[in-house]
Amino acid sequence: MNAMQTDFLVVGSGIAGLTYALKVANRFPDKQVLVMTKAAADETNTKYAQGGVAVVNDLEKDSFEKHIEDTYSRRWPLQYTGGGDSGKRRP
C-alpha cells in the first residue's frame, strides 16, 4: 500500500469540496491540497442538482417564471402540473 501525505485532504469534488479546496489553496499557497472523490472528478451530485445551481442571469432571454417551471418540471416530472414544455431545456 502506498502512503500519501498532504496538508489538506478534501473528500468530495462537488461544489462544496471544490469551493473549500480553492479557498484553502488561496489562503495557504505553500500547502498541498488533495481532493479525493469516489469516481471521476466531474461525477458529482452537484451536476445533478439542477434546481440548486441554475439561475436566471439574463432577463431578456429568461425569466424567474421560466426558471421555476423548468426546475419543477425536471425535479418532480410526475407531479408537475404547470404545463409548458415539461422537461425540455430552455436556452
PDB file of N, CA and C in Angstrom:
ATOM      1  N   MET A   1       0.837  -1.186   0.000  1.00  0.00           N
ATOM      2  CA  MET A   1       0.000   0.000   0.000  1.00  0.00           C
ATOM      3  C   MET A   1       0.880   1.246   0.000  1.00  0.00           C
ATOM      4  N   ASN A   2       0.604   2.162  -0.915  1.00  0.00           N
ATOM      5  CA  ASN A   2       1.350   3.404  -0.989  1.00  0.00           C
ATOM      6  C   ASN A   2       0.729   4.432  -0.061  1.00  0.00           C
ATOM      7  N   ALA A   3       1.539   5.137   0.661  1.00  0.00           N
ATOM      8  CA  ALA A   3       1.050   6.193   1.555  1.00  0.00           C
ATOM      9  C   ALA A   3       1.230   7.540   0.865  1.00  0.00           C
ATOM     10  N   MET A   4       0.274   8.402   1.084  1.00  0.00           N
ATOM     11  CA  MET A   4       0.344   9.759   0.546  1.00  0.00           C
ATOM     12  C   MET A   4       0.292  10.725   1.706  1.00  0.00           C
ATOM     13  N   GLN A   5       0.926  11.841   1.531  1.00  0.00           N
ATOM     14  CA  GLN A   5       0.856  12.891   2.540  1.00  0.00           C
ATOM     15  C   GLN A   5       0.379  14.173   1.888  1.00  0.00           C
ATOM     16  N   THR A   6      -0.440  14.909   2.622  1.00  0.00           N
ATOM     17  CA  THR A   6      -0.957  16.183   2.144  1.00  0.00           C
ATOM     18  C   THR A   6      -1.226  17.060   3.353  1.00  0.00           C
ATOM     19  N   ASP A   7      -1.283  18.329   3.125  1.00  0.00           N
ATOM     20  CA  ASP A   7      -1.610  19.249   4.213  1.00  0.00           C
ATOM     21  C   ASP A   7      -3.117  19.328   4.440  1.00  0.00           C
ATOM     22  N   PHE A   8      -3.880  19.280   3.343  1.00  0.00           N
ATOM     23  CA  PHE A   8      -5.337  19.333   3.426  1.00  0.00           C
ATOM     24  C   PHE A   8      -5.911  18.246   2.536  1.00  0.00           C
ATOM     25  N   LEU A   9      -6.742  17.398   3.112  1.00  0.00           N
ATOM     26  CA  LEU A   9      -7.441  16.371   2.349  1.00  0.00           C
ATOM     27  C   LEU A   9      -8.908  16.771   2.289  1.00  0.00           C
ATOM     28  N   VAL A  10      -9.403  16.963   1.066  1.00  0.00           N
ATOM     29  CA  VAL A  10     -10.802  17.317   0.843  1.00  0.00           C
ATOM     30  C   VAL A  10     -11.487  16.086   0.268  1.00  0.00           C
ATOM     31  N   VAL A  11     -12.517  15.607   0.949  1.00  0.00           N
ATOM     32  CA  VAL A  11     -13.246  14.429   0.490  1.00  0.00           C
ATOM     33  C   VAL A  11     -14.480  14.904  -0.265  1.00  0.00           C
ATOM     34  N   GLY A  12     -14.479  14.673  -1.577  1.00  0.00           N
ATOM     35  CA  GLY A  12     -15.599  15.062  -2.423  1.00  0.00           C
ATOM     36  C   GLY A  12     -15.237  16.187  -3.368  1.00  0.00           C
ATOM     37  N   SER A  13     -15.631  16.007  -4.640  1.00  0.00           N
ATOM     38  CA  SER A  13     -15.315  17.004  -5.661  1.00  0.00           C
ATOM     39  C   SER A  13     -16.560  17.759  -6.116  1.00  0.00           C
ATOM     40  N   GLY A  14     -17.564  17.808  -5.266  1.00  0.00           N
ATOM     41  CA  GLY A  14     -18.754  18.605  -5.567  1.00  0.00           C
ATOM     42  C   GLY A  14     -18.472  20.077  -5.312  1.00  0.00           C
ATOM     43  N   ILE A  15     -19.514  20.875  -5.385  1.00  0.00           N
ATOM     44  CA  ILE A  15     -19.332  22.313  -5.262  1.00  0.00           C
ATOM     45  C   ILE A  15     -18.774  22.707  -3.899  1.00  0.00           C
ATOM     46  N   ALA A  16     -19.206  22.037  -2.846  1.00  0.00           N
ATOM     47  CA  ALA A  16     -18.707  22.364  -1.505  1.00  0.00           C
ATOM     48  C   ALA A  16     -17.235  21.994  -1.363  1.00  0.00           C
ATOM     49  N   GLY A  17     -16.880  20.778  -1.799  1.00  0.00           N
ATOM     50  CA  GLY A  17     -15.493  20.341  -1.692  1.00  0.00           C
ATOM     51  C   GLY A  17     -14.539  21.182  -2.509  1.00  0.00           C
ATOM     52  N   LEU A  18     -14.929  21.483  -3.754  1.00  0.00           N
ATOM     53  CA  LEU A  18     -14.049  22.286  -4.607  1.00  0.00           C
ATOM     54  C   LEU A  18     -13.947  23.725  -4.140  1.00  0.00           C
ATOM     55  N   THR A  19     -15.051  24.271  -3.624  1.00  0.00           N
ATOM     56  CA  THR A  19     -15.010  25.630  -3.085  1.00  0.00           C
ATOM     57  C   THR A  19     -14.049  25.690  -1.909  1.00  0.00           C
ATOM     58  N   TYR A  20     -14.160  24.714  -1.014  1.00  0.00           N
ATOM     59  CA  TYR A  20     -13.257  24.671   0.132  1.00  0.00           C
ATOM     60  C   TYR A  20     -11.803  24.504  -0.316  1.00  0.00           C
ATOM     61  N   ALA A  21     -11.574  23.595  -1.264  1.00  0.00           N
ATOM     62  CA  ALA A  21     -10.215  23.354  -1.755  1.00  0.00           C
ATOM     63  C   ALA A  21      -9.606  24.631  -2.340  1.00  0.00           C
ATOM     64  N   LEU A  22     -10.381  25.374  -3.113  1.00  0.00           N
ATOM     65  CA  LEU A  22      -9.879  26.633  -3.684  1.00  0.00           C
ATOM     66  C   LEU A  22      -9.586  27.669  -2.608  1.00  0.00           C
ATOM     67  N   LYS A  23     -10.470  27.775  -1.632  1.00  0.00           N
ATOM     68  CA  LYS A  23     -10.243  28.751  -0.556  1.00  0.00           C
ATOM     69  C   LYS A  23      -8.992  28.410   0.254  1.00  0.00           C
ATOM     70  N   VAL A  24      -8.823  27.138   0.569  1.00  0.00           N
ATOM     71  CA  VAL A  24      -7.642  26.715   1.321  1.00  0.00           C
ATOM     72  C   VAL A  24      -6.381  26.943   0.496  1.00  0.00           C
ATOM     73  N   ALA A  25      -6.423  26.594  -0.796  1.00  0.00           N
ATOM     74  CA  ALA A  25      -5.251  26.773  -1.657  1.00  0.00           C
ATOM     75  C   ALA A  25      -4.873  28.245  -1.779  1.00  0.00           C
ATOM     76  N   ASN A  26      -5.874  29.117  -1.864  1.00  0.00           N
ATOM     77  CA  ASN A  26      -5.582  30.553  -1.938  1.00  0.00           C
ATOM     78  C   ASN A  26      -5.067  31.098  -0.618  1.00  0.00           C
ATOM     79  N   ARG A  27      -5.601  30.609   0.467  1.00  0.00           N
ATOM     80  CA  ARG A  27      -5.189  31.110   1.786  1.00  0.00           C
ATOM     81  C   ARG A  27      -3.807  30.594   2.191  1.00  0.00           C
ATOM     82  N   PHE A  28      -3.498  29.355   1.801  1.00  0.00           N
ATOM     83  CA  PHE A  28      -2.221  28.722   2.154  1.00  0.00           C
ATOM     84  C   PHE A  28      -1.516  28.237   0.884  1.00  0.00           C
ATOM     85  N   PRO A  29      -0.970  29.157   0.080  1.00  0.00           N
ATOM     86  CA  PRO A  29      -0.381  28.766  -1.208  1.00  0.00           C
ATOM     87  C   PRO A  29       0.827  27.835  -1.089  1.00  0.00           C
ATOM     88  N   ASP A  30       1.447  27.775   0.068  1.00  0.00           N
ATOM     89  CA  ASP A  30       2.606  26.905   0.253  1.00  0.00           C
ATOM     90  C   ASP A  30       2.215  25.504   0.731  1.00  0.00           C
ATOM     91  N   LYS A  31       0.930  25.256   0.894  1.00  0.00           N
ATOM     92  CA  LYS A  31       0.457  23.953   1.367  1.00  0.00           C
ATOM     93  C   LYS A  31      -0.121  23.142   0.215  1.00  0.00           C
ATOM     94  N   GLN A  32      -0.120  21.823   0.378  1.00  0.00           N
ATOM     95  CA  GLN A  32      -0.657  20.930  -0.637  1.00  0.00           C
ATOM     96  C   GLN A  32      -2.107  20.588  -0.295  1.00  0.00           C
ATOM     97  N   VAL A  33      -2.980  20.683  -1.295  1.00  0.00           N
ATOM     98  CA  VAL A  33      -4.390  20.344  -1.133  1.00  0.00           C
ATOM     99  C   VAL A  33      -4.690  19.172  -2.059  1.00  0.00           C
ATOM    100  N   LEU A  34      -5.263  18.119  -1.501  1.00  0.00           N
ATOM    101  CA  LEU A  34      -5.615  16.936  -2.273  1.00  0.00           C
ATOM    102  C   LEU A  34      -7.128  16.762  -2.215  1.00  0.00           C
ATOM    103  N   VAL A  35      -7.755  16.653  -3.389  1.00  0.00           N
ATOM    104  CA  VAL A  35      -9.198  16.411  -3.473  1.00  0.00           C
ATOM    105  C   VAL A  35      -9.389  14.939  -3.828  1.00  0.00           C
ATOM    106  N   MET A  36     -10.137  14.234  -2.984  1.00  0.00           N
ATOM    107  CA  MET A  36     -10.396  12.819  -3.189  1.00  0.00           C
ATOM    108  C   MET A  36     -11.873  12.635  -3.534  1.00  0.00           C
ATOM    109  N   THR A  37     -12.138  11.815  -4.536  1.00  0.00           N
ATOM    110  CA  THR A  37     -13.506  11.567  -4.950  1.00  0.00           C
ATOM    111  C   THR A  37     -13.705  10.080  -5.210  1.00  0.00           C
ATOM    112  N   LYS A  38     -14.943   9.620  -5.121  1.00  0.00           N
ATOM    113  CA  LYS A  38     -15.228   8.191  -5.272  1.00  0.00           C
ATOM    114  C   LYS A  38     -15.263   7.733  -6.721  1.00  0.00           C
ATOM    115  N   ALA A  39     -15.361   8.677  -7.645  1.00  0.00           N
ATOM    116  CA  ALA A  39     -15.452   8.340  -9.069  1.00  0.00           C
ATOM    117  C   ALA A  39     -14.644   9.375  -9.851  1.00  0.00           C
ATOM    118  N   ALA A  40     -15.051   9.639 -11.072  1.00  0.00           N
ATOM    119  CA  ALA A  40     -14.392  10.687 -11.864  1.00  0.00           C
ATOM    120  C   ALA A  40     -14.614  12.036 -11.183  1.00  0.00           C
ATOM    121  N   ALA A  41     -13.688  12.929 -11.360  1.00  0.00           N
ATOM    122  CA  ALA A  41     -13.749  14.230 -10.679  1.00  0.00           C
ATOM    123  C   ALA A  41     -15.010  15.016 -11.014  1.00  0.00           C
ATOM    124  N   ASP A  42     -15.562  14.826 -12.198  1.00  0.00           N
ATOM    125  CA  ASP A  42     -16.769  15.576 -12.571  1.00  0.00           C
ATOM    126  C   ASP A  42     -18.052  14.790 -12.305  1.00  0.00           C
ATOM    127  N   GLU A  43     -17.947  13.629 -11.713  1.00  0.00           N
ATOM    128  CA  GLU A  43     -19.134  12.815 -11.401  1.00  0.00           C
ATOM    129  C   GLU A  43     -19.573  13.127  -9.974  1.00  0.00           C
ATOM    130  N   THR A  44     -20.317  14.205  -9.832  1.00  0.00           N
ATOM    131  CA  THR A  44     -20.738  14.679  -8.516  1.00  0.00           C
ATOM    132  C   THR A  44     -22.243  14.862  -8.469  1.00  0.00           C
ATOM    133  N   ASN A  45     -22.784  14.880  -7.278  1.00  0.00           N
ATOM    134  CA  ASN A  45     -24.209  15.165  -7.125  1.00  0.00           C
ATOM    135  C   ASN A  45     -24.527  16.599  -7.516  1.00  0.00           C
ATOM    136  N   THR A  46     -23.553  17.476  -7.418  1.00  0.00           N
ATOM    137  CA  THR A  46     -23.772  18.882  -7.750  1.00  0.00           C
ATOM    138  C   THR A  46     -24.263  19.043  -9.186  1.00  0.00           C
ATOM    139  N   LYS A  47     -23.686  18.301 -10.120  1.00  0.00           N
ATOM    140  CA  LYS A  47     -24.104  18.469 -11.515  1.00  0.00           C
ATOM    141  C   LYS A  47     -25.518  17.951 -11.750  1.00  0.00           C
ATOM    142  N   TYR A  48     -26.001  17.089 -10.857  1.00  0.00           N
ATOM    143  CA  TYR A  48     -27.376  16.597 -10.979  1.00  0.00           C
ATOM    144  C   TYR A  48     -28.370  17.464 -10.209  1.00  0.00           C
ATOM    145  N   ALA A  49     -27.882  18.381  -9.414  1.00  0.00           N
ATOM    146  CA  ALA A  49     -28.742  19.248  -8.599  1.00  0.00           C
ATOM    147  C   ALA A  49     -29.133  20.483  -9.394  1.00  0.00           C
ATOM    148  N   GLN A  50     -29.714  20.289 -10.541  1.00  0.00           N
ATOM    149  CA  GLN A  50     -30.040  21.373 -11.471  1.00  0.00           C
ATOM    150  C   GLN A  50     -30.780  22.505 -10.797  1.00  0.00           C
ATOM    151  N   GLY A  51     -31.749  22.187  -9.974  1.00  0.00           N
ATOM    152  CA  GLY A  51     -32.549  23.239  -9.341  1.00  0.00           C
ATOM    153  C   GLY A  51     -31.769  24.050  -8.336  1.00  0.00           C
ATOM    154  N   GLY A  52     -30.732  23.476  -7.744  1.00  0.00           N
ATOM    155  CA  GLY A  52     -29.971  24.189  -6.736  1.00  0.00           C
ATOM    156  C   GLY A  52     -28.855  25.040  -7.294  1.00  0.00           C
ATOM    157  N   VAL A  53     -28.541  24.861  -8.565  1.00  0.00           N
ATOM    158  CA  VAL A  53     -27.407  25.567  -9.148  1.00  0.00           C
ATOM    159  C   VAL A  53     -27.846  26.515 -10.265  1.00  0.00           C
ATOM    160  N   ALA A  54     -28.937  26.227 -10.913  1.00  0.00           N
ATOM    161  CA  ALA A  54     -29.407  27.043 -12.035  1.00  0.00           C
ATOM    162  C   ALA A  54     -29.852  28.420 -11.550  1.00  0.00           C
ATOM    163  N   VAL A  55     -29.626  29.418 -12.358  1.00  0.00           N
ATOM    164  CA  VAL A  55     -30.001  30.790 -12.007  1.00  0.00           C
ATOM    165  C   VAL A  55     -30.544  31.503 -13.242  1.00  0.00           C
ATOM    166  N   VAL A  56     -31.236  32.584 -12.988  1.00  0.00           N
ATOM    167  CA  VAL A  56     -31.671  33.478 -14.061  1.00  0.00           C
ATOM    168  C   VAL A  56     -30.668  34.623 -14.071  1.00  0.00           C
ATOM    169  N   ASN A  57     -29.906  34.728 -15.158  1.00  0.00           N
ATOM    170  CA  ASN A  57     -28.914  35.799 -15.221  1.00  0.00           C
ATOM    171  C   ASN A  57     -29.046  36.666 -16.473  1.00  0.00           C
ATOM    172  N   ASP A  58     -30.045  36.404 -17.287  1.00  0.00           N
ATOM    173  CA  ASP A  58     -30.281  37.217 -18.471  1.00  0.00           C
ATOM    174  C   ASP A  58     -31.794  37.383 -18.624  1.00  0.00           C
ATOM    175  N   LEU A  59     -32.319  38.472 -18.115  1.00  0.00           N
ATOM    176  CA  LEU A  59     -33.766  38.678 -18.103  1.00  0.00           C
ATOM    177  C   LEU A  59     -34.349  38.934 -19.495  1.00  0.00           C
ATOM    178  N   GLU A  60     -33.506  39.173 -20.496  1.00  0.00           N
ATOM    179  CA  GLU A  60     -34.011  39.320 -21.865  1.00  0.00           C
ATOM    180  C   GLU A  60     -34.317  37.963 -22.487  1.00  0.00           C
ATOM    181  N   LYS A  61     -33.589  36.922 -22.092  1.00  0.00           N
ATOM    182  CA  LYS A  61     -33.772  35.591 -22.657  1.00  0.00           C
ATOM    183  C   LYS A  61     -34.462  34.630 -21.699  1.00  0.00           C
ATOM    184  N   ASP A  62     -34.549  34.984 -20.438  1.00  0.00           N
ATOM    185  CA  ASP A  62     -35.089  34.084 -19.431  1.00  0.00           C
ATOM    186  C   ASP A  62     -35.928  34.881 -18.443  1.00  0.00           C
ATOM    187  N   SER A  63     -36.618  34.180 -17.577  1.00  0.00           N
ATOM    188  CA  SER A  63     -37.417  34.845 -16.546  1.00  0.00           C
ATOM    189  C   SER A  63     -37.454  33.956 -15.318  1.00  0.00           C
ATOM    190  N   PHE A  64     -37.834  34.533 -14.194  1.00  0.00           N
ATOM    191  CA  PHE A  64     -37.954  33.748 -12.979  1.00  0.00           C
ATOM    192  C   PHE A  64     -39.080  32.724 -13.115  1.00  0.00           C
ATOM    193  N   GLU A  65     -40.132  33.073 -13.829  1.00  0.00           N
ATOM    194  CA  GLU A  65     -41.245  32.150 -14.041  1.00  0.00           C
ATOM    195  C   GLU A  65     -40.775  30.929 -14.840  1.00  0.00           C
ATOM    196  N   LYS A  66     -39.998  31.146 -15.911  1.00  0.00           N
ATOM    197  CA  LYS A  66     -39.471  30.030 -16.702  1.00  0.00           C
ATOM    198  C   LYS A  66     -38.521  29.175 -15.863  1.00  0.00           C
ATOM    199  N   HIS A  67     -37.731  29.831 -15.033  1.00  0.00           N
ATOM    200  CA  HIS A  67     -36.796  29.116 -14.163  1.00  0.00           C
ATOM    201  C   HIS A  67     -37.557  28.193 -13.209  1.00  0.00           C
ATOM    202  N   ILE A  68     -38.598  28.714 -12.590  1.00  0.00           N
ATOM    203  CA  ILE A  68     -39.400  27.910 -11.665  1.00  0.00           C
ATOM    204  C   ILE A  68     -40.061  26.754 -12.411  1.00  0.00           C
ATOM    205  N   GLU A  69     -40.619  27.028 -13.573  1.00  0.00           N
ATOM    206  CA  GLU A  69     -41.257  25.985 -14.375  1.00  0.00           C
ATOM    207  C   GLU A  69     -40.245  24.901 -14.761  1.00  0.00           C
ATOM    208  N   ASP A  70     -39.069  25.302 -15.239  1.00  0.00           N
ATOM    209  CA  ASP A  70     -38.036  24.335 -15.620  1.00  0.00           C
ATOM    210  C   ASP A  70     -37.600  23.493 -14.422  1.00  0.00           C
ATOM    211  N   THR A  71     -37.411  24.126 -13.284  1.00  0.00           N
ATOM    212  CA  THR A  71     -36.959  23.417 -12.088  1.00  0.00           C
ATOM    213  C   THR A  71     -37.987  22.382 -11.663  1.00  0.00           C
ATOM    214  N   TYR A  72     -39.239  22.771 -11.586  1.00  0.00           N
ATOM    215  CA  TYR A  72     -40.273  21.824 -11.166  1.00  0.00           C
ATOM    216  C   TYR A  72     -40.502  20.727 -12.199  1.00  0.00           C
ATOM    217  N   SER A  73     -40.417  21.045 -13.465  1.00  0.00           N
ATOM    218  CA  SER A  73     -40.680  20.027 -14.483  1.00  0.00           C
ATOM    219  C   SER A  73     -39.602  18.955 -14.511  1.00  0.00           C
ATOM    220  N   ARG A  74     -38.377  19.274 -14.098  1.00  0.00           N
ATOM    221  CA  ARG A  74     -37.310  18.284 -14.072  1.00  0.00           C
ATOM    222  C   ARG A  74     -37.197  17.595 -12.720  1.00  0.00           C
ATOM    223  N   ARG A  75     -37.503  18.282 -11.661  1.00  0.00           N
ATOM    224  CA  ARG A  75     -37.330  17.694 -10.334  1.00  0.00           C
ATOM    225  C   ARG A  75     -38.495  16.772  -9.973  1.00  0.00           C
ATOM    226  N   TRP A  76     -39.694  17.177 -10.305  1.00  0.00           N
ATOM    227  CA  TRP A  76     -40.877  16.391  -9.982  1.00  0.00           C
ATOM    228  C   TRP A  76     -41.727  16.194 -11.234  1.00  0.00           C
ATOM    229  N   PRO A  77     -41.237  15.475 -12.237  1.00  0.00           N
ATOM    230  CA  PRO A  77     -41.969  15.393 -13.506  1.00  0.00           C
ATOM    231  C   PRO A  77     -43.330  14.720 -13.373  1.00  0.00           C
ATOM    232  N   LEU A  78     -43.497  13.796 -12.424  1.00  0.00           N
ATOM    233  CA  LEU A  78     -44.779  13.106 -12.312  1.00  0.00           C
ATOM    234  C   LEU A  78     -45.839  13.967 -11.625  1.00  0.00           C
ATOM    235  N   GLN A  79     -45.408  14.847 -10.739  1.00  0.00           N
ATOM    236  CA  GLN A  79     -46.361  15.683 -10.033  1.00  0.00           C
ATOM    237  C   GLN A  79     -46.525  17.057 -10.669  1.00  0.00           C
ATOM    238  N   TYR A  80     -45.713  17.374 -11.645  1.00  0.00           N
ATOM    239  CA  TYR A  80     -45.719  18.719 -12.210  1.00  0.00           C
ATOM    240  C   TYR A  80     -46.987  18.968 -13.003  1.00  0.00           C
ATOM    241  N   THR A  81     -47.672  20.074 -12.706  1.00  0.00           N
ATOM    242  CA  THR A  81     -48.913  20.386 -13.408  1.00  0.00           C
ATOM    243  C   THR A  81     -48.871  21.780 -14.023  1.00  0.00           C
ATOM    244  N   GLY A  82     -47.675  22.321 -14.207  1.00  0.00           N
ATOM    245  CA  GLY A  82     -47.555  23.695 -14.684  1.00  0.00           C
ATOM    246  C   GLY A  82     -47.665  23.859 -16.184  1.00  0.00           C
ATOM    247  N   GLY A  83     -47.866  22.782 -16.930  1.00  0.00           N
ATOM    248  CA  GLY A  83     -47.947  22.915 -18.385  1.00  0.00           C
ATOM    249  C   GLY A  83     -46.585  23.194 -18.989  1.00  0.00           C
ATOM    250  N   GLY A  84     -46.560  23.915 -20.063  1.00  0.00           N
ATOM    251  CA  GLY A  84     -45.283  24.267 -20.683  1.00  0.00           C
ATOM    252  C   GLY A  84     -44.666  23.090 -21.404  1.00  0.00           C
ATOM    253  N   ASP A  85     -43.358  23.134 -21.555  1.00  0.00           N
ATOM    254  CA  ASP A  85     -42.681  22.117 -22.352  1.00  0.00           C
ATOM    255  C   ASP A  85     -42.326  20.881 -21.544  1.00  0.00           C
ATOM    256  N   SER A  86     -42.602  20.872 -20.252  1.00  0.00           N
ATOM    257  CA  SER A  86     -42.467  19.713 -19.377  1.00  0.00           C
ATOM    258  C   SER A  86     -41.181  18.912 -19.598  1.00  0.00           C
ATOM    259  N   GLY A  87     -40.070  19.523 -19.294  1.00  0.00           N
ATOM    260  CA  GLY A  87     -38.815  18.794 -19.301  1.00  0.00           C
ATOM    261  C   GLY A  87     -37.834  19.178 -20.386  1.00  0.00           C
ATOM    262  N   LYS A  88     -38.237  19.971 -21.361  1.00  0.00           N
ATOM    263  CA  LYS A  88     -37.297  20.397 -22.393  1.00  0.00           C
ATOM    264  C   LYS A  88     -36.503  21.577 -21.865  1.00  0.00           C
ATOM    265  N   ARG A  89     -35.224  21.570 -22.130  1.00  0.00           N
ATOM    266  CA  ARG A  89     -34.325  22.609 -21.628  1.00  0.00           C
ATOM    267  C   ARG A  89     -34.552  23.896 -22.396  1.00  0.00           C
ATOM    268  N   ARG A  90     -34.655  24.972 -21.661  1.00  0.00           N
ATOM    269  CA  ARG A  90     -34.777  26.298 -22.299  1.00  0.00           C
ATOM    270  C   ARG A  90     -33.382  26.855 -22.550  1.00  0.00           C
ATOM    271  N   PRO A  91     -33.241  27.647 -23.606  1.00  0.00           N
ATOM    272  CA  PRO A  91     -31.921  28.247 -23.859  1.00  0.00           C
ATOM    273  C   PRO A  91     -31.596  29.295 -22.816  1.00  0.00           C
TER     274      PRO A  91
END
